[in-house]
């Protein structure tokens, strides 16, 4: 089972990509928000980058147009 997805943040034409874990939620409410928060945490841990600060955002809704979540390889077995 692949429980990660690729998340791409686009900032002024520059793409920053990372893997993010997918939360195991029954109803899927806020799943994209949780995925992006996990991606944010991954970037902070690996690169020391606070992507929300770089993108001048406080919440997922502030940046959702600049975020792409590739769920094509995600499988829930």
Protein backbone atom coordinates (compact mmCIF):
# COMPACT_ATOMS: atom_id res chain seq x y z
CA UNK A 1 0.00 0.00 0.00
CA UNK A 2 1.30 3.44 -0.92
CA UNK A 3 0.07 5.84 1.75
CA UNK A 4 1.85 8.95 0.46
CA UNK A 5 1.08 11.46 -2.26
CA UNK A 6 3.19 14.05 -4.07
CA UNK A 7 2.50 17.66 -3.10
CA UNK A 8 3.71 20.54 -5.26
CA UNK A 9 3.77 24.13 -4.01
CA UNK A 10 4.17 26.76 -6.76
CA UNK A 11 5.70 30.08 -5.68
CA UNK A 12 6.25 32.68 -8.40
CA UNK A 13 6.79 29.96 -11.00
CA UNK A 14 9.11 27.88 -8.80
CA UNK A 15 7.87 24.44 -7.82
CA UNK A 16 8.72 22.84 -4.49
CA UNK A 17 7.77 19.15 -4.31
CA UNK A 18 7.61 16.77 -1.39
CA UNK A 19 5.88 13.58 -0.31
CA UNK A 20 3.13 13.73 2.28
CA UNK A 21 1.30 11.10 4.26
CA UNK A 22 -2.45 10.77 3.73
CA UNK A 23 -4.58 10.82 6.87
CA UNK A 24 -6.78 7.80 7.43
CA UNK A 25 -10.14 9.53 7.79
CA UNK A 26 -13.43 7.75 7.19
CA UNK A 27 -15.35 10.63 5.64
CA UNK A 28 -12.43 12.47 4.01
CA UNK A 29 -13.40 15.85 5.45
CA UNK A 30 -10.43 18.22 5.30
CA UNK A 31 -8.24 15.48 3.81
CA UNK A 32 -6.48 17.88 1.40
CA UNK A 33 -5.87 20.31 4.26
CA UNK A 34 -4.34 17.53 6.36
CA UNK A 35 -2.17 16.37 3.45
CA UNK A 36 -0.84 19.91 2.92
CA UNK A 37 -0.14 20.31 6.64
CA UNK A 38 1.85 17.08 6.52
CA UNK A 39 3.76 18.33 3.47
CA UNK A 40 4.47 21.59 5.32
CA UNK A 41 5.87 19.60 8.23
CA UNK A 42 8.04 17.50 5.89
CA UNK A 43 9.56 20.63 4.32
CA UNK A 44 10.24 22.11 7.76
CA UNK A 45 11.95 18.93 8.94
CA UNK A 46 13.99 18.27 5.80
CA UNK A 47 14.84 21.78 4.57
CA UNK A 48 13.99 24.12 7.43
CA UNK A 49 11.45 25.93 5.22
CA UNK A 50 8.13 27.15 6.61
CA UNK A 51 6.21 27.05 3.34
CA UNK A 52 3.25 28.94 4.80
CA UNK A 53 5.54 31.80 5.80
CA UNK A 54 7.20 31.80 2.36
CA UNK A 55 3.77 31.90 0.71
CA UNK A 56 2.51 34.54 3.17
CA UNK A 57 -0.36 32.30 4.30
CA UNK A 58 -1.95 31.24 7.55
CA UNK A 59 -4.31 28.53 6.32
CA UNK A 60 -4.66 26.04 3.48
CA UNK A 61 -7.47 28.11 1.99
CA UNK A 62 -4.97 30.96 1.48
CA UNK A 63 -2.75 28.83 -0.78
CA UNK A 64 -4.97 26.09 -2.22
CA UNK A 65 -4.74 27.59 -5.72
CA UNK A 66 -0.93 27.29 -5.56
CA UNK A 67 -0.89 23.69 -4.33
CA UNK A 68 -1.22 20.55 -6.44
CA UNK A 69 -1.76 17.16 -4.79
CA UNK A 70 -0.98 14.21 -7.07
CA UNK A 71 -3.02 11.30 -5.74
CA UNK A 72 -2.50 9.08 -8.78
CA UNK A 73 -0.17 6.62 -6.97
CA UNK A 74 -2.19 6.54 -3.76
CA UNK A 75 -3.90 3.26 -2.95
CA UNK A 76 -5.85 2.39 0.13
CA UNK A 77 -5.91 -1.39 0.49
